[in-house]
C-alpha atoms as a PDB file:
ATOM      1  CA  MET A   1      30.418   7.243 -31.996  1.00  0.00           C
ATOM      2  CA  GLU A   2      30.067   7.300 -28.221  1.00  0.00           C
ATOM      3  CA  PRO A   3      27.411   5.122 -26.602  1.00  0.00           C
ATOM      4  CA  GLN A   4      24.559   7.265 -25.328  1.00  0.00           C
ATOM      5  CA  LYS A   5      23.771   7.322 -21.610  1.00  0.00           C
ATOM      6  CA  LYS A   6      20.445   5.715 -20.803  1.00  0.00           C
ATOM      7  CA  ASN A   7      17.959   7.729 -18.791  1.00  0.00           C
ATOM      8  CA  LYS A   8      17.816   5.811 -15.490  1.00  0.00           C
ATOM      9  CA  PRO A   9      15.465   6.800 -12.644  1.00  0.00           C
ATOM     10  CA  ASN A  10      16.848   7.962  -9.332  1.00  0.00           C
ATOM     11  CA  SER A  11      17.588   5.223  -6.797  1.00  0.00           C
ATOM     12  CA  LEU A  12      15.187   6.858  -4.314  1.00  0.00           C
ATOM     13  CA  VAL A  13      12.340   6.516  -6.822  1.00  0.00           C
ATOM     14  CA  ILE A  14      13.141   2.830  -7.284  1.00  0.00           C
ATOM     15  CA  ILE A  15      13.233   2.250  -3.508  1.00  0.00           C
ATOM     16  CA  LEU A  16       9.913   4.030  -2.956  1.00  0.00           C
ATOM     17  CA  PHE A  17       8.229   2.103  -5.778  1.00  0.00           C
ATOM     18  CA  ALA A  18       9.564  -1.194  -4.389  1.00  0.00           C
ATOM     19  CA  LEU A  19       8.269  -0.296  -0.902  1.00  0.00           C
ATOM     20  CA  VAL A  20       4.779   0.402  -2.242  1.00  0.00           C
ATOM     21  CA  VAL A  21       4.711  -2.928  -4.090  1.00  0.00           C
ATOM     22  CA  LEU A  22       6.026  -4.731  -1.010  1.00  0.00           C
ATOM     23  CA  MET A  23       3.380  -3.159   1.225  1.00  0.00           C
ATOM     24  CA  ILE A  24       0.606  -4.235  -1.158  1.00  0.00           C
ATOM     25  CA  ILE A  25       1.928  -7.811  -1.174  1.00  0.00           C
ATOM     26  CA  ILE A  26       2.206  -7.832   2.642  1.00  0.00           C
ATOM     27  CA  TYR A  27      -1.363  -6.514   2.907  1.00  0.00           C
ATOM     28  CA  PHE A  28      -2.734  -9.371   0.791  1.00  0.00           C
ATOM     29  CA  ILE A  29      -0.739 -11.934   2.806  1.00  0.00           C
ATOM     30  CA  LEU A  30      -2.131 -10.505   6.059  1.00  0.00           C
ATOM     31  CA  VAL A  31      -5.686 -10.573   4.687  1.00  0.00           C
ATOM     32  CA  MET A  32      -5.238 -14.231   3.714  1.00  0.00           C
ATOM     33  CA  PHE A  33      -3.872 -15.386   7.090  1.00  0.00           C
ATOM     34  CA  PHE A  34      -5.576 -12.970   9.520  1.00  0.00           C
ATOM     35  CA  PRO A  35      -9.003 -12.045   8.087  1.00  0.00           C
ATOM     36  CA  THR A  36     -10.524 -11.409  11.529  1.00  0.00           C
ATOM     37  CA  VAL A  37      -8.165  -8.473  12.143  1.00  0.00           C
ATOM     38  CA  PHE A  38      -9.541  -6.663   9.101  1.00  0.00           C
ATOM     39  CA  GLU A  39     -13.164  -7.594   9.852  1.00  0.00           C
ATOM     40  CA  MET A  40     -12.953  -5.863  13.242  1.00  0.00           C
ATOM     41  CA  MET A  41     -11.621  -2.609  11.741  1.00  0.00           C
ATOM     42  CA  ASN A  42     -13.919   0.397  11.465  1.00  0.00           C
ATOM     43  CA  THR A  43     -14.980   0.869   7.840  1.00  0.00           C
ATOM     44  CA  GLY A  44     -16.552   4.289   8.273  1.00  0.00           C
ATOM     45  CA  ASP A  45     -20.178   3.134   8.025  1.00  0.00           C
ATOM     46  CA  ILE A  46     -22.855   5.754   8.568  1.00  0.00           C
ATOM     47  CA  GLN A  47     -23.972   5.820  12.193  1.00  0.00           C
ATOM     48  CA  PRO A  48     -26.979   7.642  13.625  1.00  0.00           C
ATOM     49  CA  VAL A  49     -26.270  10.884  15.456  1.00  0.00           C
ATOM     50  CA  PRO A  50     -27.876  10.989  18.930  1.00  0.00           C
ATOM     51  CA  ASN A  51     -30.415  13.782  19.493  1.00  0.00           C
ATOM     52  CA  LYS A  52     -29.552  16.284  22.237  1.00  0.00           C
END
């Protein structure tokens, strides 16, 4: 009997998945070492609209 071929994902899928995981890890490292950068970012809080 011949050995069956295993169903392996495409190399592009593996690269994209690895990039997403790497970006998440880099984000947490940046938050740990540079918290002030993320505190200054706009979070989309509700702001009053000036009357015209």
